[in-house]
Amino acid sequence: MTARLLGAARPVMLAASAALAAADAHAACPIQLAVYGEAQSGAEIDFTPTGTSATITNSFRMILDNNTVLDGIAMWTEGSASRPHGSLMYKCPTGDVTGEELAACTVWEGVIYSADEKGGVGLLPAEGADAPKSLIFPDLGPSLQMSAAYGPAGFSKVPWDIFVLKGCQE
């Protein structure tokens, strides 16, 4: 009887072990490989390593419906109240661009916040740190809805401000 119970419990124990391993993988994911999702619109954020940039601390893409892709960066401001200043851009020109051209294609700017599993709020960490449970992009939806990326030629589902960690790229 005991052998039969142990045999029946084995799949449950294996599933529990797999769930714990997946939870550990989320906790150990570095921010530069993190993938986040937003439940309301299905939008997703994929972080990528920034390389050797002296000013950009994080690089990412926001993927909206209709395959609309926004390019994102974060740069930490200088001074005693330094913050990760994020920008999302849509169809920016490449190469040597002016500040005016960059401003015209920027669809959202602001501080990127993070939140842990206990609800503690912090700031977006730089590369090398563990990915936080959630990211907060204040006023993201209204900014994107007023952008050139919204509408018939772009996306139609407006994301909310909070994105939750979904996984880690390999």
N, C-alpha and C. Protein backbone atom coordinates (compact mmCIF):
# COMPACT_ATOMS: atom_id res chain seq x y z
N MET A 1 0.82 -1.18 0.00
CA MET A 1 0.00 0.00 0.00
C MET A 1 0.87 1.25 0.00
N THR A 2 1.93 1.29 0.79
CA THR A 2 2.81 2.43 0.86
C THR A 2 3.50 2.67 -0.47
N ALA A 3 3.96 1.62 -1.11
CA ALA A 3 4.61 1.75 -2.41
C ALA A 3 3.64 2.32 -3.44
N ARG A 4 2.37 1.90 -3.36
CA ARG A 4 1.37 2.40 -4.29
C ARG A 4 1.13 3.90 -4.06
N LEU A 5 1.05 4.36 -2.80
CA LEU A 5 0.86 5.77 -2.49
C LEU A 5 2.06 6.59 -2.95
N LEU A 6 3.26 6.09 -2.71
CA LEU A 6 4.45 6.80 -3.17
C LEU A 6 4.48 6.90 -4.68
N GLY A 7 4.09 5.84 -5.36
CA GLY A 7 4.05 5.86 -6.82
C GLY A 7 3.05 6.88 -7.33
N ALA A 8 1.89 6.98 -6.68
CA ALA A 8 0.87 7.95 -7.08
C ALA A 8 1.31 9.37 -6.77
N ALA A 9 2.08 9.56 -5.71
CA ALA A 9 2.51 10.90 -5.32
C ALA A 9 3.68 11.40 -6.15
N ARG A 10 4.37 10.50 -6.83
CA ARG A 10 5.56 10.89 -7.57
C ARG A 10 5.30 11.97 -8.63
N PRO A 11 4.25 11.88 -9.46
CA PRO A 11 4.00 12.95 -10.43
C PRO A 11 3.74 14.30 -9.75
N VAL A 12 3.06 14.28 -8.62
CA VAL A 12 2.79 15.52 -7.89
C VAL A 12 4.08 16.12 -7.37
N MET A 13 4.97 15.27 -6.83
CA MET A 13 6.25 15.76 -6.32
C MET A 13 7.10 16.31 -7.46
N LEU A 14 7.09 15.66 -8.61
CA LEU A 14 7.84 16.15 -9.76
C LEU A 14 7.30 17.50 -10.24
N ALA A 15 5.98 17.64 -10.28
CA ALA A 15 5.37 18.90 -10.69
C ALA A 15 5.73 20.01 -9.71
N ALA A 16 5.69 19.71 -8.42
CA ALA A 16 6.05 20.70 -7.40
C ALA A 16 7.51 21.12 -7.55
N SER A 17 8.39 20.16 -7.82
CA SER A 17 9.80 20.48 -8.02
C SER A 17 9.99 21.36 -9.24
N ALA A 18 9.27 21.07 -10.31
CA ALA A 18 9.37 21.88 -11.52
C ALA A 18 8.87 23.30 -11.27
N ALA A 19 7.79 23.44 -10.50
CA ALA A 19 7.26 24.76 -10.17
C ALA A 19 8.25 25.56 -9.35
N LEU A 20 8.90 24.91 -8.38
CA LEU A 20 9.91 25.60 -7.58
C LEU A 20 11.10 26.00 -8.43
N ALA A 21 11.52 25.16 -9.35
CA ALA A 21 12.63 25.50 -10.23
C ALA A 21 12.26 26.68 -11.11
N ALA A 22 11.02 26.73 -11.62
CA ALA A 22 10.57 27.86 -12.43
C ALA A 22 10.55 29.14 -11.61
N ALA A 23 10.10 29.05 -10.36
CA ALA A 23 10.09 30.22 -9.49
C ALA A 23 11.50 30.72 -9.24
N ASP A 24 12.44 29.79 -9.03
CA ASP A 24 13.83 30.17 -8.84
C ASP A 24 14.38 30.83 -10.10
N ALA A 25 13.98 30.35 -11.28
CA ALA A 25 14.46 30.92 -12.54
C ALA A 25 13.99 32.36 -12.67
N HIS A 26 12.72 32.65 -12.28
CA HIS A 26 12.23 34.02 -12.32
C HIS A 26 13.03 34.90 -11.38
N ALA A 27 13.31 34.42 -10.19
CA ALA A 27 14.01 35.21 -9.20
C ALA A 27 15.45 35.49 -9.62
N ALA A 28 16.05 34.58 -10.35
CA ALA A 28 17.44 34.73 -10.71
C ALA A 28 17.64 35.35 -12.09
N CYS A 29 16.58 35.79 -12.75
CA CYS A 29 16.69 36.35 -14.09
C CYS A 29 17.30 37.76 -14.02
N PRO A 30 18.39 38.00 -14.75
CA PRO A 30 18.92 39.36 -14.78
C PRO A 30 18.01 40.26 -15.61
N ILE A 31 17.91 41.51 -15.23
CA ILE A 31 16.99 42.45 -15.89
C ILE A 31 17.22 42.51 -17.40
N GLN A 32 18.45 42.38 -17.87
CA GLN A 32 18.72 42.51 -19.30
C GLN A 32 18.18 41.34 -20.13
N LEU A 33 17.66 40.29 -19.47
CA LEU A 33 17.07 39.15 -20.18
C LEU A 33 15.59 38.96 -19.83
N ALA A 34 15.03 39.88 -19.05
CA ALA A 34 13.67 39.73 -18.55
C ALA A 34 12.61 40.00 -19.62
N VAL A 35 11.47 39.32 -19.47
CA VAL A 35 10.31 39.51 -20.33
C VAL A 35 9.13 39.83 -19.41
N TYR A 36 8.44 40.92 -19.70
CA TYR A 36 7.30 41.37 -18.91
C TYR A 36 6.05 41.41 -19.78
N GLY A 37 4.89 41.23 -19.16
CA GLY A 37 3.64 41.29 -19.88
C GLY A 37 2.62 42.14 -19.15
N GLU A 38 1.70 42.71 -19.93
CA GLU A 38 0.62 43.52 -19.39
C GLU A 38 -0.68 42.81 -19.75
N ALA A 39 -1.50 42.49 -18.75
CA ALA A 39 -2.65 41.61 -18.93
C ALA A 39 -3.78 42.21 -19.77
N GLN A 40 -4.05 43.48 -19.62
CA GLN A 40 -5.21 44.10 -20.27
C GLN A 40 -5.08 44.11 -21.79
N SER A 41 -3.93 44.50 -22.32
CA SER A 41 -3.76 44.65 -23.77
C SER A 41 -2.96 43.52 -24.40
N GLY A 42 -2.26 42.75 -23.57
CA GLY A 42 -1.38 41.72 -24.10
C GLY A 42 -0.02 42.26 -24.51
N ALA A 43 0.26 43.53 -24.22
CA ALA A 43 1.56 44.12 -24.55
C ALA A 43 2.67 43.40 -23.80
N GLU A 44 3.86 43.42 -24.36
CA GLU A 44 5.00 42.72 -23.78
C GLU A 44 6.24 43.62 -23.85
N ILE A 45 7.11 43.46 -22.88
CA ILE A 45 8.40 44.16 -22.87
C ILE A 45 9.49 43.12 -22.84
N ASP A 46 10.42 43.21 -23.79
CA ASP A 46 11.58 42.33 -23.86
C ASP A 46 12.83 43.17 -23.67
N PHE A 47 13.57 42.92 -22.59
CA PHE A 47 14.83 43.63 -22.37
C PHE A 47 15.93 42.96 -23.17
N THR A 48 16.93 43.75 -23.55
CA THR A 48 18.10 43.25 -24.26
C THR A 48 19.35 43.89 -23.65
N PRO A 49 20.48 43.21 -23.71
CA PRO A 49 21.72 43.83 -23.20
C PRO A 49 22.05 45.11 -23.98
N THR A 50 22.50 46.13 -23.27
CA THR A 50 22.81 47.41 -23.92
C THR A 50 24.18 47.44 -24.57
N GLY A 51 25.04 46.55 -24.19
CA GLY A 51 26.39 46.59 -24.76
C GLY A 51 27.28 47.51 -23.97
N THR A 52 28.00 48.36 -24.65
CA THR A 52 29.02 49.19 -23.99
C THR A 52 28.64 50.66 -23.91
N SER A 53 27.37 50.99 -23.95
CA SER A 53 26.95 52.39 -23.89
C SER A 53 27.34 53.00 -22.55
N ALA A 54 27.87 54.22 -22.62
CA ALA A 54 28.27 54.93 -21.41
C ALA A 54 27.08 55.59 -20.73
N THR A 55 25.99 55.84 -21.46
CA THR A 55 24.86 56.56 -20.88
C THR A 55 23.60 55.72 -20.73
N ILE A 56 23.36 54.77 -21.63
CA ILE A 56 22.14 53.96 -21.57
C ILE A 56 22.37 52.79 -20.61
N THR A 57 21.49 52.69 -19.60
CA THR A 57 21.63 51.63 -18.60
C THR A 57 20.73 50.43 -18.88
N ASN A 58 19.68 50.61 -19.68
CA ASN A 58 18.77 49.52 -20.02
C ASN A 58 18.25 49.74 -21.44
N SER A 59 18.09 48.66 -22.18
CA SER A 59 17.48 48.69 -23.52
C SER A 59 16.36 47.66 -23.55
N PHE A 60 15.26 48.01 -24.22
CA PHE A 60 14.14 47.09 -24.31
C PHE A 60 13.26 47.45 -25.49
N ARG A 61 12.35 46.53 -25.81
CA ARG A 61 11.33 46.75 -26.83
C ARG A 61 9.98 46.54 -26.18
N MET A 62 9.02 47.37 -26.54
CA MET A 62 7.64 47.15 -26.11
C MET A 62 6.88 46.71 -27.36
N ILE A 63 6.28 45.54 -27.27
CA ILE A 63 5.56 44.99 -28.40
C ILE A 63 4.07 45.09 -28.11
N LEU A 64 3.37 45.84 -28.94
CA LEU A 64 1.94 46.05 -28.79
C LEU A 64 1.19 45.22 -29.84
N ASP A 65 -0.14 45.29 -29.82
CA ASP A 65 -0.89 44.52 -30.82
C ASP A 65 -0.60 45.05 -32.23
N ASN A 66 -1.00 44.31 -33.23
CA ASN A 66 -0.75 44.63 -34.64
C ASN A 66 0.74 44.73 -34.95
N ASN A 67 1.57 44.02 -34.16
CA ASN A 67 3.02 43.99 -34.34
C ASN A 67 3.66 45.37 -34.32
N THR A 68 3.10 46.27 -33.52
CA THR A 68 3.68 47.60 -33.35
C THR A 68 4.79 47.48 -32.30
N VAL A 69 5.99 47.92 -32.67
CA VAL A 69 7.15 47.81 -31.78
C VAL A 69 7.66 49.20 -31.43
N LEU A 70 7.80 49.45 -30.14
CA LEU A 70 8.40 50.69 -29.65
C LEU A 70 9.78 50.36 -29.10
N ASP A 71 10.76 51.18 -29.42
CA ASP A 71 12.11 51.00 -28.90
C ASP A 71 12.24 51.77 -27.61
N GLY A 72 12.78 51.12 -26.57
CA GLY A 72 12.89 51.75 -25.27
C GLY A 72 14.31 51.76 -24.73
N ILE A 73 14.61 52.82 -24.00
CA ILE A 73 15.89 52.93 -23.30
C ILE A 73 15.65 53.55 -21.93
N ALA A 74 16.58 53.34 -21.03
CA ALA A 74 16.59 54.03 -19.74
C ALA A 74 17.99 54.55 -19.51
N MET A 75 18.06 55.78 -19.03
CA MET A 75 19.33 56.41 -18.67
C MET A 75 19.16 57.00 -17.27
N TRP A 76 20.11 56.72 -16.40
CA TRP A 76 20.04 57.27 -15.06
C TRP A 76 20.46 58.73 -15.07
N THR A 77 19.63 59.57 -14.43
CA THR A 77 19.95 60.99 -14.34
C THR A 77 21.07 61.18 -13.32
N GLU A 78 21.74 62.28 -13.40
CA GLU A 78 22.85 62.60 -12.49
C GLU A 78 22.32 63.34 -11.26
N GLY A 79 23.12 63.38 -10.22
CA GLY A 79 22.79 64.18 -9.05
C GLY A 79 22.35 63.36 -7.86
N SER A 80 21.94 64.07 -6.82
CA SER A 80 21.58 63.41 -5.57
C SER A 80 20.26 62.65 -5.66
N ALA A 81 19.38 63.05 -6.57
CA ALA A 81 18.10 62.35 -6.74
C ALA A 81 18.08 61.65 -8.09
N SER A 82 19.09 60.81 -8.35
CA SER A 82 19.17 60.15 -9.64
C SER A 82 18.03 59.15 -9.81
N ARG A 83 17.54 59.06 -11.04
CA ARG A 83 16.39 58.21 -11.37
C ARG A 83 16.62 57.60 -12.75
N PRO A 84 16.00 56.43 -13.01
CA PRO A 84 16.09 55.84 -14.34
C PRO A 84 15.05 56.50 -15.25
N HIS A 85 15.50 57.42 -16.09
CA HIS A 85 14.61 58.13 -17.00
C HIS A 85 14.42 57.28 -18.25
N GLY A 86 13.19 56.85 -18.48
CA GLY A 86 12.89 55.99 -19.62
C GLY A 86 12.29 56.75 -20.78
N SER A 87 12.52 56.24 -21.99
CA SER A 87 11.92 56.79 -23.20
C SER A 87 11.47 55.65 -24.09
N LEU A 88 10.30 55.80 -24.68
CA LEU A 88 9.80 54.87 -25.69
C LEU A 88 9.68 55.65 -26.99
N MET A 89 10.23 55.07 -28.07
CA MET A 89 10.25 55.76 -29.35
C MET A 89 9.60 54.90 -30.43
N TYR A 90 8.99 55.58 -31.39
CA TYR A 90 8.30 54.91 -32.48
C TYR A 90 8.83 55.43 -33.81
N LYS A 91 9.41 54.54 -34.59
CA LYS A 91 9.92 54.85 -35.93
C LYS A 91 10.85 56.05 -35.95
N CYS A 92 11.83 56.05 -35.06
CA CYS A 92 12.81 57.13 -35.03
C CYS A 92 13.79 56.96 -36.19
N PRO A 93 14.28 58.06 -36.73
CA PRO A 93 15.31 57.95 -37.75
C PRO A 93 16.59 57.39 -37.12
N THR A 94 17.41 56.76 -37.92
CA THR A 94 18.66 56.20 -37.42
C THR A 94 19.83 57.09 -37.82
N GLY A 95 20.96 56.84 -37.23
CA GLY A 95 22.15 57.62 -37.53
C GLY A 95 22.23 58.87 -36.68
N ASP A 96 22.77 59.91 -37.25
CA ASP A 96 22.98 61.17 -36.55
C ASP A 96 21.67 61.97 -36.55
N VAL A 97 20.93 61.91 -35.44
CA VAL A 97 19.64 62.60 -35.36
C VAL A 97 19.73 63.80 -34.45
N THR A 98 18.89 64.77 -34.70
CA THR A 98 18.85 65.97 -33.87
C THR A 98 17.93 65.74 -32.68
N GLY A 99 18.04 66.58 -31.68
CA GLY A 99 17.16 66.50 -30.53
C GLY A 99 15.71 66.71 -30.93
N GLU A 100 15.48 67.56 -31.91
CA GLU A 100 14.13 67.82 -32.41
C GLU A 100 13.54 66.58 -33.07
N GLU A 101 14.34 65.87 -33.86
CA GLU A 101 13.88 64.64 -34.51
C GLU A 101 13.58 63.56 -33.46
N LEU A 102 14.43 63.47 -32.46
CA LEU A 102 14.23 62.49 -31.39
C LEU A 102 12.96 62.81 -30.59
N ALA A 103 12.74 64.07 -30.30
CA ALA A 103 11.54 64.47 -29.56
C ALA A 103 10.27 64.14 -30.36
N ALA A 104 10.34 64.29 -31.68
CA ALA A 104 9.17 64.04 -32.53
C ALA A 104 8.76 62.57 -32.55
N CYS A 105 9.71 61.65 -32.37
CA CYS A 105 9.38 60.22 -32.42
C CYS A 105 9.27 59.59 -31.03
N THR A 106 9.45 60.36 -29.97
CA THR A 106 9.32 59.84 -28.60
C THR A 106 7.85 59.87 -28.20
N VAL A 107 7.32 58.70 -27.83
CA VAL A 107 5.89 58.59 -27.51
C VAL A 107 5.61 58.51 -26.01
N TRP A 108 6.62 58.27 -25.20
CA TRP A 108 6.47 58.27 -23.74
C TRP A 108 7.83 58.55 -23.12
N GLU A 109 7.82 59.32 -22.03
CA GLU A 109 9.02 59.56 -21.23
C GLU A 109 8.62 59.61 -19.76
N GLY A 110 9.50 59.13 -18.90
CA GLY A 110 9.24 59.21 -17.48
C GLY A 110 10.15 58.29 -16.69
N VAL A 111 10.00 58.35 -15.39
CA VAL A 111 10.75 57.49 -14.49
C VAL A 111 10.12 56.10 -14.54
N ILE A 112 10.94 55.06 -14.61
CA ILE A 112 10.45 53.68 -14.60
C ILE A 112 10.63 53.14 -13.18
N TYR A 113 9.52 52.75 -12.58
CA TYR A 113 9.54 52.20 -11.22
C TYR A 113 9.44 50.68 -11.26
N SER A 114 9.83 50.06 -10.16
CA SER A 114 9.69 48.61 -10.02
C SER A 114 8.91 48.33 -8.74
N ALA A 115 8.37 47.12 -8.65
CA ALA A 115 7.68 46.70 -7.43
C ALA A 115 8.04 45.24 -7.18
N ASP A 116 8.23 44.90 -5.89
CA ASP A 116 8.55 43.51 -5.55
C ASP A 116 7.27 42.76 -5.19
N GLU A 117 7.42 41.49 -4.84
CA GLU A 117 6.26 40.65 -4.54
C GLU A 117 5.51 41.09 -3.29
N LYS A 118 6.12 41.91 -2.43
CA LYS A 118 5.46 42.39 -1.22
C LYS A 118 4.83 43.77 -1.44
N GLY A 119 4.97 44.32 -2.65
CA GLY A 119 4.40 45.63 -2.94
C GLY A 119 5.34 46.78 -2.70
N GLY A 120 6.59 46.48 -2.32
CA GLY A 120 7.58 47.53 -2.12
C GLY A 120 7.96 48.14 -3.46
N VAL A 121 7.95 49.47 -3.53
CA VAL A 121 8.25 50.18 -4.78
C VAL A 121 9.69 50.67 -4.77
N GLY A 122 10.35 50.50 -5.89
CA GLY A 122 11.72 50.95 -6.07
C GLY A 122 11.89 51.52 -7.47
N LEU A 123 13.12 51.55 -7.93
CA LEU A 123 13.44 52.06 -9.26
C LEU A 123 13.92 50.92 -10.15
N LEU A 124 13.79 51.09 -11.45
CA LEU A 124 14.29 50.11 -12.41
C LEU A 124 15.78 49.89 -12.16
N PRO A 125 16.19 48.64 -11.95
CA PRO A 125 17.62 48.40 -11.73
C PRO A 125 18.40 48.43 -13.04
N ALA A 126 19.68 48.73 -12.95
CA ALA A 126 20.55 48.69 -14.12
C ALA A 126 20.89 47.24 -14.44
N GLU A 127 21.48 47.00 -15.59
CA GLU A 127 21.86 45.66 -16.00
C GLU A 127 22.71 44.97 -14.95
N GLY A 128 22.53 43.65 -14.86
CA GLY A 128 23.29 42.85 -13.91
C GLY A 128 22.49 42.52 -12.66
N ALA A 129 21.50 43.35 -12.34
CA ALA A 129 20.67 43.11 -11.16
C ALA A 129 19.54 42.14 -11.51
N ASP A 130 18.98 41.49 -10.49
CA ASP A 130 17.83 40.61 -10.70
C ASP A 130 16.63 41.41 -11.18
N ALA A 131 15.85 40.81 -12.07
CA ALA A 131 14.65 41.46 -12.59
C ALA A 131 13.61 41.57 -11.49
N PRO A 132 13.01 42.75 -11.31
CA PRO A 132 11.95 42.89 -10.31
C PRO A 132 10.66 42.20 -10.77
N LYS A 133 9.76 41.97 -9.84
CA LYS A 133 8.48 41.29 -10.13
C LYS A 133 7.62 42.09 -11.10
N SER A 134 7.58 43.41 -10.94
CA SER A 134 6.74 44.27 -11.78
C SER A 134 7.47 45.56 -12.14
N LEU A 135 7.05 46.13 -13.26
CA LEU A 135 7.54 47.45 -13.68
C LEU A 135 6.35 48.38 -13.83
N ILE A 136 6.57 49.64 -13.48
CA ILE A 136 5.50 50.63 -13.55
C ILE A 136 5.97 51.78 -14.45
N PHE A 137 5.19 52.06 -15.49
CA PHE A 137 5.44 53.14 -16.44
C PHE A 137 4.32 54.17 -16.24
N PRO A 138 4.52 55.18 -15.38
CA PRO A 138 3.44 56.12 -15.07
C PRO A 138 2.89 56.83 -16.31
N ASP A 139 1.56 56.86 -16.40
CA ASP A 139 0.84 57.53 -17.49
C ASP A 139 1.18 56.99 -18.88
N LEU A 140 1.54 55.73 -18.96
CA LEU A 140 1.89 55.12 -20.23
C LEU A 140 0.70 55.13 -21.21
N GLY A 141 -0.44 54.62 -20.77
CA GLY A 141 -1.60 54.49 -21.64
C GLY A 141 -2.02 55.80 -22.30
N PRO A 142 -2.25 56.86 -21.51
CA PRO A 142 -2.66 58.13 -22.12
C PRO A 142 -1.62 58.69 -23.10
N SER A 143 -0.35 58.54 -22.77
CA SER A 143 0.71 59.02 -23.67
C SER A 143 0.70 58.27 -24.99
N LEU A 144 0.58 56.94 -24.90
CA LEU A 144 0.59 56.14 -26.12
C LEU A 144 -0.66 56.38 -26.95
N GLN A 145 -1.80 56.60 -26.31
CA GLN A 145 -3.04 56.82 -27.04
C GLN A 145 -2.99 58.13 -27.84
N MET A 146 -2.18 59.08 -27.42
CA MET A 146 -2.05 60.35 -28.12
C MET A 146 -0.92 60.33 -29.15
N SER A 147 -0.25 59.19 -29.29
CA SER A 147 0.92 59.11 -30.16
C SER A 147 0.57 58.71 -31.59
N ALA A 148 1.54 58.88 -32.48
CA ALA A 148 1.39 58.47 -33.88
C ALA A 148 1.34 56.96 -34.02
N ALA A 149 1.75 56.23 -32.99
CA ALA A 149 1.76 54.77 -33.05
C ALA A 149 0.36 54.19 -32.84
N TYR A 150 -0.58 55.01 -32.35
CA TYR A 150 -1.94 54.55 -32.05
C TYR A 150 -2.86 54.82 -33.23
N GLY A 151 -3.71 53.85 -33.53
CA GLY A 151 -4.70 54.06 -34.57
C GLY A 151 -4.60 53.05 -35.69
N PRO A 152 -5.23 53.34 -36.82
CA PRO A 152 -5.32 52.38 -37.93
C PRO A 152 -3.96 51.86 -38.43
N ALA A 153 -2.94 52.69 -38.41
CA ALA A 153 -1.63 52.26 -38.91
C ALA A 153 -0.76 51.65 -37.81
N GLY A 154 -1.24 51.63 -36.57
CA GLY A 154 -0.43 51.14 -35.46
C GLY A 154 -1.21 50.18 -34.57
N PHE A 155 -1.11 50.40 -33.27
CA PHE A 155 -1.76 49.50 -32.31
C PHE A 155 -3.15 50.02 -31.94
N SER A 156 -3.99 49.12 -31.40
CA SER A 156 -5.35 49.53 -31.04
C SER A 156 -5.67 49.25 -29.57
N LYS A 157 -4.90 48.38 -28.90
CA LYS A 157 -5.15 48.05 -27.50
C LYS A 157 -4.16 48.81 -26.63
N VAL A 158 -4.69 49.71 -25.81
CA VAL A 158 -3.85 50.57 -24.98
C VAL A 158 -3.45 49.85 -23.70
N PRO A 159 -2.14 49.71 -23.44
CA PRO A 159 -1.72 49.04 -22.21
C PRO A 159 -1.88 49.93 -20.99
N TRP A 160 -2.01 49.27 -19.85
CA TRP A 160 -2.04 49.96 -18.57
C TRP A 160 -0.59 50.20 -18.15
N ASP A 161 -0.35 50.77 -17.00
CA ASP A 161 0.98 51.18 -16.56
C ASP A 161 1.83 50.06 -15.96
N ILE A 162 1.24 48.93 -15.59
CA ILE A 162 1.96 47.89 -14.84
C ILE A 162 2.22 46.65 -15.71
N PHE A 163 3.49 46.23 -15.73
CA PHE A 163 3.91 45.04 -16.46
C PHE A 163 4.50 44.06 -15.44
N VAL A 164 4.13 42.78 -15.56
CA VAL A 164 4.54 41.75 -14.60
C VAL A 164 5.54 40.81 -15.27
N LEU A 165 6.55 40.39 -14.51
CA LEU A 165 7.57 39.49 -15.01
C LEU A 165 6.92 38.18 -15.48
N LYS A 166 7.19 37.82 -16.74
CA LYS A 166 6.64 36.59 -17.33
C LYS A 166 7.69 35.51 -17.45
N GLY A 167 8.92 35.90 -17.64
CA GLY A 167 9.96 34.90 -17.86
C GLY A 167 11.30 35.53 -18.12
N CYS A 168 12.20 34.66 -18.55
CA CYS A 168 13.58 35.07 -18.78
C CYS A 168 14.04 34.50 -20.12
N GLN A 169 14.62 35.33 -20.97
CA GLN A 169 15.15 34.86 -22.23
C GLN A 169 16.41 34.04 -21.96
N GLU A 170 16.69 33.12 -22.82
CA GLU A 170 17.89 32.28 -22.63
C GLU A 170 19.06 32.80 -23.39
